[in-house]
C-alpha cells in the first residue's frame, strides 16, 4: 500500500450514504404525539432515514404505533415495545423485549424526561423523588440493563437539558439533569473497555410539543430573543445531534455532553444584576 492509498484507507475517507446502516437502535420515548412532535420521535425517524432498524419504546401505544407506521411507510423497519420505564423492572424487560424482536441492539437512545418550575422549598419529598426518578434513575436503569446486550462498537445517548447549568428556579429538575450528565460521563468511562460509547445531548431552548404546552407566543418570542443566534431550534436539531453521536462517524467520541442550544444562554443585559461591569469614563 503506497502513501496515497494508506491515507485514503480509513472508512471516513470514502464514507458515503447512510451513517447507521446495519445498526438497530432502541429509542425510549420514541412515540409521536402533538403537532410539533417530540425529540424521541424525531430521533427515531432520523435514525431510520440513516439506515437503522428502530425499536420504539413508549408507554403510549398509540403514539408508538404512529412512529412505527410512518417509518414503515417511508421504507424503514420499526417495531414497538410498550412499557413504562418509570416502573421498577420495566427497563430491563423493555431492553430484553427489544433485543428479542430485533435480534440485536446496537444503540440505546433515551429521551424520557419531565420538568416543572418547582423550587427546592416548594417541592415535597414525593415530588423531589419523582423528578430524580424520571430524569435520572430511568437513564441509569436503562444503561445498566442494556450494558450486557450491547456489542462492542455500540452507542448510548442520553438527553439532558440546558437546565443542568442553571441556577434556578426549577432546582430539582436542574439537579436531576446535572446528575444525568455526570452519569453519562461515568458510564462512558465504565463501558469504554467494552467498546461502548456513551454521550449526552444537552437540549437548549427549542420549540416542541412539550414547550407549546408550557409557553404562550409572547413567552416564545422572548425565549428566542435570549438565544445568541436569534433563531429557534426544534426537535430536528436535537435529533440530528443524537443521530451523529449514534452513528459511525462519531466513533472516537465518548463521555461528552454536546450542547445544542444556538450558542448557549446569553449574559444578563447591561444594568441587570449579574451583567458584566461597564467601563468607567
C-alpha atoms as a PDB file:
ATOM      1  CA  UNK A   1       0.000   0.000   0.000  1.00  0.00           C
ATOM      2  CA  UNK A   2       1.525   3.334  -1.047  1.00  0.00           C
ATOM      3  CA  UNK A   3       1.178   6.574   0.884  1.00  0.00           C
ATOM      4  CA  UNK A   4      -1.832   7.784  -1.082  1.00  0.00           C
ATOM      5  CA  UNK A   5      -3.646   4.500  -0.641  1.00  0.00           C
ATOM      6  CA  UNK A   6      -2.863   4.400   3.066  1.00  0.00           C
ATOM      7  CA  UNK A   7      -4.170   7.880   3.820  1.00  0.00           C
ATOM      8  CA  UNK A   8      -7.401   7.113   1.963  1.00  0.00           C
ATOM      9  CA  UNK A   9      -7.850   3.664   3.502  1.00  0.00           C
ATOM     10  CA  UNK A  10      -9.781   4.883   6.526  1.00  0.00           C
ATOM     11  CA  UNK A  11     -13.568   4.331   6.207  1.00  0.00           C
ATOM     12  CA  UNK A  12     -14.182   8.036   6.818  1.00  0.00           C
ATOM     13  CA  UNK A  13     -12.251   8.977   3.698  1.00  0.00           C
ATOM     14  CA  UNK A  14     -14.637   7.069   1.451  1.00  0.00           C
ATOM     15  CA  UNK A  15     -17.800   7.169   3.543  1.00  0.00           C
ATOM     16  CA  UNK A  16     -20.957   7.577   1.520  1.00  0.00           C
ATOM     17  CA  UNK A  17     -24.662   7.117   2.050  1.00  0.00           C
ATOM     18  CA  UNK A  18     -26.245   6.365   5.375  1.00  0.00           C
ATOM     19  CA  UNK A  19     -24.331   6.503   8.653  1.00  0.00           C
ATOM     20  CA  UNK A  20     -26.324   3.931  10.652  1.00  0.00           C
ATOM     21  CA  UNK A  21     -26.813   1.157   8.106  1.00  0.00           C
ATOM     22  CA  UNK A  22     -26.866  -2.274   9.696  1.00  0.00           C
ATOM     23  CA  UNK A  23     -27.476  -0.924  13.191  1.00  0.00           C
ATOM     24  CA  UNK A  24     -30.528  -1.431  15.394  1.00  0.00           C
ATOM     25  CA  UNK A  25     -31.483   1.401  17.740  1.00  0.00           C
ATOM     26  CA  UNK A  26     -33.798   1.280  20.743  1.00  0.00           C
ATOM     27  CA  UNK A  27     -35.358   4.724  21.127  1.00  0.00           C
ATOM     28  CA  UNK A  28     -37.043   5.112  24.503  1.00  0.00           C
ATOM     29  CA  UNK A  29     -39.811   7.704  24.402  1.00  0.00           C
ATOM     30  CA  UNK A  30     -39.982   7.497  20.612  1.00  0.00           C
ATOM     31  CA  UNK A  31     -43.734   7.843  20.187  1.00  0.00           C
ATOM     32  CA  UNK A  32     -45.298  10.637  18.112  1.00  0.00           C
ATOM     33  CA  UNK A  33     -47.760  12.883  19.904  1.00  0.00           C
ATOM     34  CA  UNK A  34     -48.658  16.525  19.445  1.00  0.00           C
ATOM     35  CA  UNK A  35     -48.482  18.748  16.395  1.00  0.00           C
ATOM     36  CA  UNK A  36     -44.852  19.759  16.968  1.00  0.00           C
ATOM     37  CA  UNK A  37     -43.547  16.265  17.610  1.00  0.00           C
ATOM     38  CA  UNK A  38     -41.018  15.198  20.200  1.00  0.00           C
ATOM     39  CA  UNK A  39     -37.296  14.603  20.437  1.00  0.00           C
ATOM     40  CA  UNK A  40     -37.902  10.868  20.662  1.00  0.00           C
ATOM     41  CA  UNK A  41     -39.987  10.704  17.502  1.00  0.00           C
ATOM     42  CA  UNK A  42     -37.630  12.930  15.523  1.00  0.00           C
ATOM     43  CA  UNK A  43     -34.664  10.822  16.614  1.00  0.00           C
ATOM     44  CA  UNK A  44     -36.354   7.553  15.682  1.00  0.00           C
ATOM     45  CA  UNK A  45     -37.310   8.969  12.281  1.00  0.00           C
ATOM     46  CA  UNK A  46     -33.866  10.394  11.518  1.00  0.00           C
ATOM     47  CA  UNK A  47     -32.049   7.238  12.622  1.00  0.00           C
ATOM     48  CA  UNK A  48     -34.328   5.232  10.349  1.00  0.00           C
ATOM     49  CA  UNK A  49     -33.555   7.572   7.458  1.00  0.00           C
ATOM     50  CA  UNK A  50     -29.868   6.936   8.152  1.00  0.00           C
ATOM     51  CA  UNK A  51     -30.405   3.210   7.712  1.00  0.00           C
ATOM     52  CA  UNK A  52     -31.023   1.986  11.260  1.00  0.00           C
ATOM     53  CA  UNK A  53     -33.677  -0.513  12.248  1.00  0.00           C
ATOM     54  CA  UNK A  54     -35.756   1.041  15.029  1.00  0.00           C
ATOM     55  CA  UNK A  55     -37.373  -0.344  18.147  1.00  0.00           C
ATOM     56  CA  UNK A  56     -39.634   2.289  19.662  1.00  0.00           C
ATOM     57  CA  UNK A  57     -40.329   2.022  23.386  1.00  0.00           C
ATOM     58  CA  UNK A  58     -43.178   4.113  24.734  1.00  0.00           C
ATOM     59  CA  UNK A  59     -45.897   3.822  27.360  1.00  0.00           C
ATOM     60  CA  UNK A  60     -48.372   5.337  24.896  1.00  0.00           C
ATOM     61  CA  UNK A  61     -49.119   2.520  22.460  1.00  0.00           C
ATOM     62  CA  UNK A  62     -50.949   4.792  20.004  1.00  0.00           C
ATOM     63  CA  UNK A  63     -48.059   7.279  19.868  1.00  0.00           C
ATOM     64  CA  UNK A  64     -45.571   4.463  19.390  1.00  0.00           C
ATOM     65  CA  UNK A  65     -47.634   2.899  16.618  1.00  0.00           C
ATOM     66  CA  UNK A  66     -47.767   6.227  14.790  1.00  0.00           C
ATOM     67  CA  UNK A  67     -43.973   6.429  14.756  1.00  0.00           C
ATOM     68  CA  UNK A  68     -43.587   2.847  13.564  1.00  0.00           C
ATOM     69  CA  UNK A  69     -46.211   3.309  10.849  1.00  0.00           C
ATOM     70  CA  UNK A  70     -44.546   6.451   9.484  1.00  0.00           C
ATOM     71  CA  UNK A  71     -41.138   4.792   9.402  1.00  0.00           C
ATOM     72  CA  UNK A  72     -42.569   1.744   7.662  1.00  0.00           C
ATOM     73  CA  UNK A  73     -44.389   3.904   5.114  1.00  0.00           C
ATOM     74  CA  UNK A  74     -41.048   5.549   4.299  1.00  0.00           C
ATOM     75  CA  UNK A  75     -39.469   2.153   3.675  1.00  0.00           C
ATOM     76  CA  UNK A  76     -37.849   1.627   7.062  1.00  0.00           C
ATOM     77  CA  UNK A  77     -38.101  -1.099   9.691  1.00  0.00           C
ATOM     78  CA  UNK A  78     -39.666  -0.326  13.061  1.00  0.00           C
ATOM     79  CA  UNK A  79     -41.254  -2.298  15.870  1.00  0.00           C
ATOM     80  CA  UNK A  80     -42.957  -1.178  19.078  1.00  0.00           C
ATOM     81  CA  UNK A  81     -42.389  -2.300  22.650  1.00  0.00           C
ATOM     82  CA  UNK A  82     -44.951  -0.856  25.054  1.00  0.00           C
ATOM     83  CA  UNK A  83     -43.856  -0.171  28.607  1.00  0.00           C
ATOM     84  CA  UNK A  84     -43.462   2.454  31.323  1.00  0.00           C
ATOM     85  CA  UNK A  85     -39.785   2.889  32.191  1.00  0.00           C
ATOM     86  CA  UNK A  86     -40.644   4.621  35.466  1.00  0.00           C
ATOM     87  CA  UNK A  87     -41.989   1.324  36.830  1.00  0.00           C
ATOM     88  CA  UNK A  88     -39.443  -0.865  38.606  1.00  0.00           C
ATOM     89  CA  UNK A  89     -38.318  -3.756  36.421  1.00  0.00           C
ATOM     90  CA  UNK A  90     -39.677  -2.315  33.189  1.00  0.00           C
ATOM     91  CA  UNK A  91     -36.354  -1.013  31.868  1.00  0.00           C
ATOM     92  CA  UNK A  92     -34.855  -4.500  31.941  1.00  0.00           C
ATOM     93  CA  UNK A  93     -37.981  -6.006  30.380  1.00  0.00           C
ATOM     94  CA  UNK A  94     -38.077  -3.417  27.596  1.00  0.00           C
ATOM     95  CA  UNK A  95     -34.410  -3.920  26.712  1.00  0.00           C
ATOM     96  CA  UNK A  96     -34.877  -7.689  26.672  1.00  0.00           C
ATOM     97  CA  UNK A  97     -38.023  -7.423  24.543  1.00  0.00           C
ATOM     98  CA  UNK A  98     -36.314  -5.039  22.104  1.00  0.00           C
ATOM     99  CA  UNK A  99     -33.378  -7.406  21.661  1.00  0.00           C
ATOM    100  CA  UNK A 100     -35.790 -10.277  21.097  1.00  0.00           C
ATOM    101  CA  UNK A 101     -37.930  -8.533  18.482  1.00  0.00           C
ATOM    102  CA  UNK A 102     -34.975  -7.050  16.589  1.00  0.00           C
ATOM    103  CA  UNK A 103     -32.420  -9.805  17.098  1.00  0.00           C
ATOM    104  CA  UNK A 104     -29.853  -7.347  18.497  1.00  0.00           C
ATOM    105  CA  UNK A 105     -29.430  -3.801  19.798  1.00  0.00           C
ATOM    106  CA  UNK A 106     -26.533  -1.614  18.678  1.00  0.00           C
ATOM    107  CA  UNK A 107     -27.712   1.686  20.119  1.00  0.00           C
ATOM    108  CA  UNK A 108     -29.757   2.932  23.053  1.00  0.00           C
ATOM    109  CA  UNK A 109     -31.243   6.422  22.978  1.00  0.00           C
ATOM    110  CA  UNK A 110     -33.263   7.581  25.965  1.00  0.00           C
ATOM    111  CA  UNK A 111     -35.343  10.746  25.622  1.00  0.00           C
ATOM    112  CA  UNK A 112     -37.680  10.292  28.580  1.00  0.00           C
ATOM    113  CA  UNK A 113     -37.892  13.260  30.928  1.00  0.00           C
ATOM    114  CA  UNK A 114     -40.199  15.613  32.755  1.00  0.00           C
ATOM    115  CA  UNK A 115     -39.780  19.116  34.126  1.00  0.00           C
ATOM    116  CA  UNK A 116     -41.568  21.822  36.073  1.00  0.00           C
ATOM    117  CA  UNK A 117     -40.694  25.098  37.795  1.00  0.00           C
ATOM    118  CA  UNK A 118     -40.985  23.937  41.409  1.00  0.00           C
ATOM    119  CA  UNK A 119     -38.092  25.045  43.561  1.00  0.00           C
ATOM    120  CA  UNK A 120     -36.432  23.270  46.469  1.00  0.00           C
ATOM    121  CA  UNK A 121     -38.714  24.989  49.000  1.00  0.00           C
ATOM    122  CA  UNK A 122     -41.921  24.297  47.080  1.00  0.00           C
ATOM    123  CA  UNK A 123     -41.421  20.650  46.190  1.00  0.00           C
ATOM    124  CA  UNK A 124     -42.187  17.883  48.673  1.00  0.00           C
ATOM    125  CA  UNK A 125     -40.309  14.628  49.154  1.00  0.00           C
ATOM    126  CA  UNK A 126     -42.566  12.803  46.706  1.00  0.00           C
ATOM    127  CA  UNK A 127     -42.103  15.454  44.028  1.00  0.00           C
ATOM    128  CA  UNK A 128     -38.329  15.515  44.561  1.00  0.00           C
ATOM    129  CA  UNK A 129     -38.099  11.723  44.264  1.00  0.00           C
ATOM    130  CA  UNK A 130     -40.286  11.684  41.150  1.00  0.00           C
ATOM    131  CA  UNK A 131     -38.189  14.369  39.436  1.00  0.00           C
ATOM    132  CA  UNK A 132     -34.977  12.415  40.005  1.00  0.00           C
ATOM    133  CA  UNK A 133     -36.632   9.132  39.090  1.00  0.00           C
ATOM    134  CA  UNK A 134     -37.850  10.132  35.639  1.00  0.00           C
ATOM    135  CA  UNK A 135     -34.881  12.311  34.657  1.00  0.00           C
ATOM    136  CA  UNK A 136     -32.007  10.346  36.213  1.00  0.00           C
ATOM    137  CA  UNK A 137     -32.896   6.917  37.567  1.00  0.00           C
ATOM    138  CA  UNK A 138     -34.602   5.798  34.348  1.00  0.00           C
ATOM    139  CA  UNK A 139     -31.418   6.510  32.364  1.00  0.00           C
ATOM    140  CA  UNK A 140     -29.291   4.650  34.921  1.00  0.00           C
ATOM    141  CA  UNK A 141     -31.626   1.644  34.811  1.00  0.00           C
ATOM    142  CA  UNK A 142     -31.680   1.584  31.021  1.00  0.00           C
ATOM    143  CA  UNK A 143     -27.898   1.856  30.784  1.00  0.00           C
ATOM    144  CA  UNK A 144     -27.259  -0.985  33.206  1.00  0.00           C
ATOM    145  CA  UNK A 145     -29.968  -3.105  31.558  1.00  0.00           C
ATOM    146  CA  UNK A 146     -28.522  -2.554  28.088  1.00  0.00           C
ATOM    147  CA  UNK A 147     -24.854  -2.956  29.025  1.00  0.00           C
ATOM    148  CA  UNK A 148     -24.903  -6.739  28.791  1.00  0.00           C
ATOM    149  CA  UNK A 149     -26.637  -6.885  25.401  1.00  0.00           C
ATOM    150  CA  UNK A 150     -24.820  -4.083  23.589  1.00  0.00           C
ATOM    151  CA  UNK A 151     -21.901  -5.367  21.490  1.00  0.00           C
ATOM    152  CA  UNK A 152     -18.534  -3.638  21.043  1.00  0.00           C
ATOM    153  CA  UNK A 153     -18.957  -0.615  18.793  1.00  0.00           C
ATOM    154  CA  UNK A 154     -22.407   0.200  20.127  1.00  0.00           C
ATOM    155  CA  UNK A 155     -23.569   3.530  21.495  1.00  0.00           C
ATOM    156  CA  UNK A 156     -25.727   5.088  24.202  1.00  0.00           C
ATOM    157  CA  UNK A 157     -27.074   8.651  24.029  1.00  0.00           C
ATOM    158  CA  UNK A 158     -28.900  10.341  26.906  1.00  0.00           C
ATOM    159  CA  UNK A 159     -30.943  13.526  26.667  1.00  0.00           C
ATOM    160  CA  UNK A 160     -30.001  16.331  29.046  1.00  0.00           C
ATOM    161  CA  UNK A 161     -31.062  19.970  29.207  1.00  0.00           C
ATOM    162  CA  UNK A 162     -29.560  23.413  29.447  1.00  0.00           C
ATOM    163  CA  UNK A 163     -31.169  23.390  32.882  1.00  0.00           C
ATOM    164  CA  UNK A 164     -28.202  21.295  34.029  1.00  0.00           C
ATOM    165  CA  UNK A 165     -26.211  24.520  34.186  1.00  0.00           C
ATOM    166  CA  UNK A 166     -28.998  26.723  35.513  1.00  0.00           C
ATOM    167  CA  UNK A 167     -29.214  28.268  38.980  1.00  0.00           C
ATOM    168  CA  UNK A 168     -32.972  28.142  39.163  1.00  0.00           C
ATOM    169  CA  UNK A 169     -35.794  28.428  39.692  1.00  0.00           C
ATOM    170  CA  UNK A 170     -36.562  24.757  38.925  1.00  0.00           C
ATOM    171  CA  UNK A 171     -33.752  23.419  41.086  1.00  0.00           C
ATOM    172  CA  UNK A 172     -34.971  19.796  41.445  1.00  0.00           C
ATOM    173  CA  UNK A 173     -35.143  19.453  37.653  1.00  0.00           C
ATOM    174  CA  UNK A 174     -31.794  21.201  37.242  1.00  0.00           C
ATOM    175  CA  UNK A 175     -30.187  18.867  39.777  1.00  0.00           C
ATOM    176  CA  UNK A 176     -31.596  15.801  38.020  1.00  0.00           C
ATOM    177  CA  UNK A 177     -30.222  16.880  34.642  1.00  0.00           C
ATOM    178  CA  UNK A 178     -26.830  17.829  36.068  1.00  0.00           C
ATOM    179  CA  UNK A 179     -26.642  14.405  37.679  1.00  0.00           C
ATOM    180  CA  UNK A 180     -27.676  12.807  34.371  1.00  0.00           C
ATOM    181  CA  UNK A 181     -24.685  14.409  32.683  1.00  0.00           C
ATOM    182  CA  UNK A 182     -22.373  13.072  35.390  1.00  0.00           C
ATOM    183  CA  UNK A 183     -23.988   9.649  34.999  1.00  0.00           C
ATOM    184  CA  UNK A 184     -23.282   9.814  31.260  1.00  0.00           C
ATOM    185  CA  UNK A 185     -19.625  10.673  31.768  1.00  0.00           C
ATOM    186  CA  UNK A 186     -19.234   7.958  34.391  1.00  0.00           C
ATOM    187  CA  UNK A 187     -20.968   5.362  32.231  1.00  0.00           C
ATOM    188  CA  UNK A 188     -18.675   6.250  29.344  1.00  0.00           C
ATOM    189  CA  UNK A 189     -15.617   5.505  31.468  1.00  0.00           C
ATOM    190  CA  UNK A 190     -17.162   2.303  32.806  1.00  0.00           C
ATOM    191  CA  UNK A 191     -18.204   0.937  29.410  1.00  0.00           C
ATOM    192  CA  UNK A 192     -15.232   2.114  27.337  1.00  0.00           C
ATOM    193  CA  UNK A 193     -13.296  -1.151  27.904  1.00  0.00           C
ATOM    194  CA  UNK A 194     -16.261  -2.943  26.311  1.00  0.00           C
ATOM    195  CA  UNK A 195     -16.092  -0.703  23.265  1.00  0.00           C
ATOM    196  CA  UNK A 196     -19.385   1.020  24.130  1.00  0.00           C
ATOM    197  CA  UNK A 197     -19.563   4.790  23.726  1.00  0.00           C
ATOM    198  CA  UNK A 198     -21.823   6.957  25.916  1.00  0.00           C
ATOM    199  CA  UNK A 199     -22.638  10.620  25.270  1.00  0.00           C
ATOM    200  CA  UNK A 200     -25.336  13.155  26.092  1.00  0.00           C
ATOM    201  CA  UNK A 201     -27.100  15.870  24.127  1.00  0.00           C
ATOM    202  CA  UNK A 202     -27.841  18.986  26.171  1.00  0.00           C
ATOM    203  CA  UNK A 203     -31.076  20.436  24.797  1.00  0.00           C
ATOM    204  CA  UNK A 204     -31.361  24.200  24.566  1.00  0.00           C
ATOM    205  CA  UNK A 205     -34.369  26.442  24.052  1.00  0.00           C
ATOM    206  CA  UNK A 206     -36.288  24.561  21.368  1.00  0.00           C
ATOM    207  CA  UNK A 207     -39.897  24.606  20.262  1.00  0.00           C
ATOM    208  CA  UNK A 208     -41.674  21.270  20.607  1.00  0.00           C
ATOM    209  CA  UNK A 209     -44.993  19.835  21.714  1.00  0.00           C
ATOM    210  CA  UNK A 210     -43.628  19.877  25.278  1.00  0.00           C
ATOM    211  CA  UNK A 211     -42.735  23.581  25.038  1.00  0.00           C
ATOM    212  CA  UNK A 212     -46.015  24.533  23.347  1.00  0.00           C
ATOM    213  CA  UNK A 213     -47.939  23.212  26.337  1.00  0.00           C
ATOM    214  CA  UNK A 214     -45.950  25.393  28.739  1.00  0.00           C
ATOM    215  CA  UNK A 215     -45.412  28.711  26.925  1.00  0.00           C
ATOM    216  CA  UNK A 216     -47.597  31.208  25.085  1.00  0.00           C
ATOM    217  CA  UNK A 217     -46.485  33.079  21.936  1.00  0.00           C
ATOM    218  CA  UNK A 218     -45.220  36.095  23.869  1.00  0.00           C
ATOM    219  CA  UNK A 219     -43.018  33.914  26.035  1.00  0.00           C
ATOM    220  CA  UNK A 220     -41.897  32.028  22.956  1.00  0.00           C
ATOM    221  CA  UNK A 221     -40.693  35.242  21.290  1.00  0.00           C
ATOM    222  CA  UNK A 222     -38.921  36.320  24.460  1.00  0.00           C
ATOM    223  CA  UNK A 223     -37.116  32.992  24.630  1.00  0.00           C
ATOM    224  CA  UNK A 224     -35.891  33.359  21.058  1.00  0.00           C
ATOM    225  CA  UNK A 225     -34.531  36.794  21.922  1.00  0.00           C
ATOM    226  CA  UNK A 226     -32.301  35.226  24.565  1.00  0.00           C
ATOM    227  CA  UNK A 227     -30.583  32.881  22.083  1.00  0.00           C
ATOM    228  CA  UNK A 228     -27.326  34.242  20.618  1.00  0.00           C
ATOM    229  CA  UNK A 229     -28.200  33.017  17.106  1.00  0.00           C
ATOM    230  CA  UNK A 230     -31.642  34.674  17.444  1.00  0.00           C
ATOM    231  CA  UNK A 231     -33.242  31.604  15.897  1.00  0.00           C
ATOM    232  CA  UNK A 232     -35.385  28.930  17.465  1.00  0.00           C
ATOM    233  CA  UNK A 233     -34.313  25.304  17.495  1.00  0.00           C
ATOM    234  CA  UNK A 234     -36.684  22.381  17.250  1.00  0.00           C
ATOM    235  CA  UNK A 235     -36.779  18.632  17.752  1.00  0.00           C
ATOM    236  CA  UNK A 236     -34.951  18.009  14.472  1.00  0.00           C
ATOM    237  CA  UNK A 237     -31.895  19.951  15.633  1.00  0.00           C
ATOM    238  CA  UNK A 238     -31.670  17.658  18.645  1.00  0.00           C
ATOM    239  CA  UNK A 239     -32.337  14.555  16.564  1.00  0.00           C
ATOM    240  CA  UNK A 240     -29.533  15.481  14.164  1.00  0.00           C
ATOM    241  CA  UNK A 241     -27.013  15.710  17.011  1.00  0.00           C
ATOM    242  CA  UNK A 242     -28.253  12.477  18.551  1.00  0.00           C
ATOM    243  CA  UNK A 243     -28.060  10.705  15.204  1.00  0.00           C
ATOM    244  CA  UNK A 244     -24.469  11.856  14.772  1.00  0.00           C
ATOM    245  CA  UNK A 245     -23.494  10.559  18.213  1.00  0.00           C
ATOM    246  CA  UNK A 246     -25.278   7.286  17.478  1.00  0.00           C
ATOM    247  CA  UNK A 247     -23.695   6.702  14.085  1.00  0.00           C
ATOM    248  CA  UNK A 248     -20.290   5.506  12.974  1.00  0.00           C
ATOM    249  CA  UNK A 249     -18.928   8.982  12.244  1.00  0.00           C
ATOM    250  CA  UNK A 250     -18.670   9.733  15.960  1.00  0.00           C
ATOM    251  CA  UNK A 251     -16.586   6.606  16.536  1.00  0.00           C
ATOM    252  CA  UNK A 252     -13.938   8.407  18.662  1.00  0.00           C
ATOM    253  CA  UNK A 253     -16.298  10.475  20.798  1.00  0.00           C
ATOM    254  CA  UNK A 254     -17.373   9.279  24.228  1.00  0.00           C
ATOM    255  CA  UNK A 255     -18.029  10.784  27.642  1.00  0.00           C
ATOM    256  CA  UNK A 256     -19.098  14.096  26.106  1.00  0.00           C
ATOM    257  CA  UNK A 257     -22.052  16.431  26.596  1.00  0.00           C
ATOM    258  CA  UNK A 258     -22.928  18.143  23.320  1.00  0.00           C
ATOM    259  CA  UNK A 259     -24.886  21.362  23.818  1.00  0.00           C
ATOM    260  CA  UNK A 260     -27.367  22.035  21.014  1.00  0.00           C
ATOM    261  CA  UNK A 261     -28.605  25.457  22.061  1.00  0.00           C
ATOM    262  CA  UNK A 262     -27.959  28.156  19.456  1.00  0.00           C
ATOM    263  CA  UNK A 263     -24.915  29.433  21.310  1.00  0.00           C
ATOM    264  CA  UNK A 264     -25.821  28.944  24.940  1.00  0.00           C
ATOM    265  CA  UNK A 265     -27.598  31.240  27.378  1.00  0.00           C
ATOM    266  CA  UNK A 266     -26.849  34.920  26.895  1.00  0.00           C
ATOM    267  CA  UNK A 267     -25.427  37.092  29.621  1.00  0.00           C
ATOM    268  CA  UNK A 268     -27.620  39.499  31.518  1.00  0.00           C
ATOM    269  CA  UNK A 269     -28.332  42.823  29.784  1.00  0.00           C
ATOM    270  CA  UNK A 270     -26.469  45.959  30.927  1.00  0.00           C
ATOM    271  CA  UNK A 271     -27.686  47.216  34.265  1.00  0.00           C
ATOM    272  CA  UNK A 272     -29.112  43.835  35.209  1.00  0.00           C
ATOM    273  CA  UNK A 273     -27.752  42.007  38.267  1.00  0.00           C
ATOM    274  CA  UNK A 274     -25.134  39.586  37.004  1.00  0.00           C
ATOM    275  CA  UNK A 275     -24.197  41.639  33.960  1.00  0.00           C
ATOM    276  CA  UNK A 276     -20.548  42.312  33.209  1.00  0.00           C
ATOM    277  CA  UNK A 277     -19.366  45.592  34.801  1.00  0.00           C
ATOM    278  CA  UNK A 278     -19.273  48.551  32.434  1.00  0.00           C
ATOM    279  CA  UNK A 279     -16.059  50.504  31.964  1.00  0.00           C
ATOM    280  CA  UNK A 280     -15.963  53.821  33.717  1.00  0.00           C
ATOM    281  CA  UNK A 281     -15.300  57.012  31.763  1.00  0.00           C
END
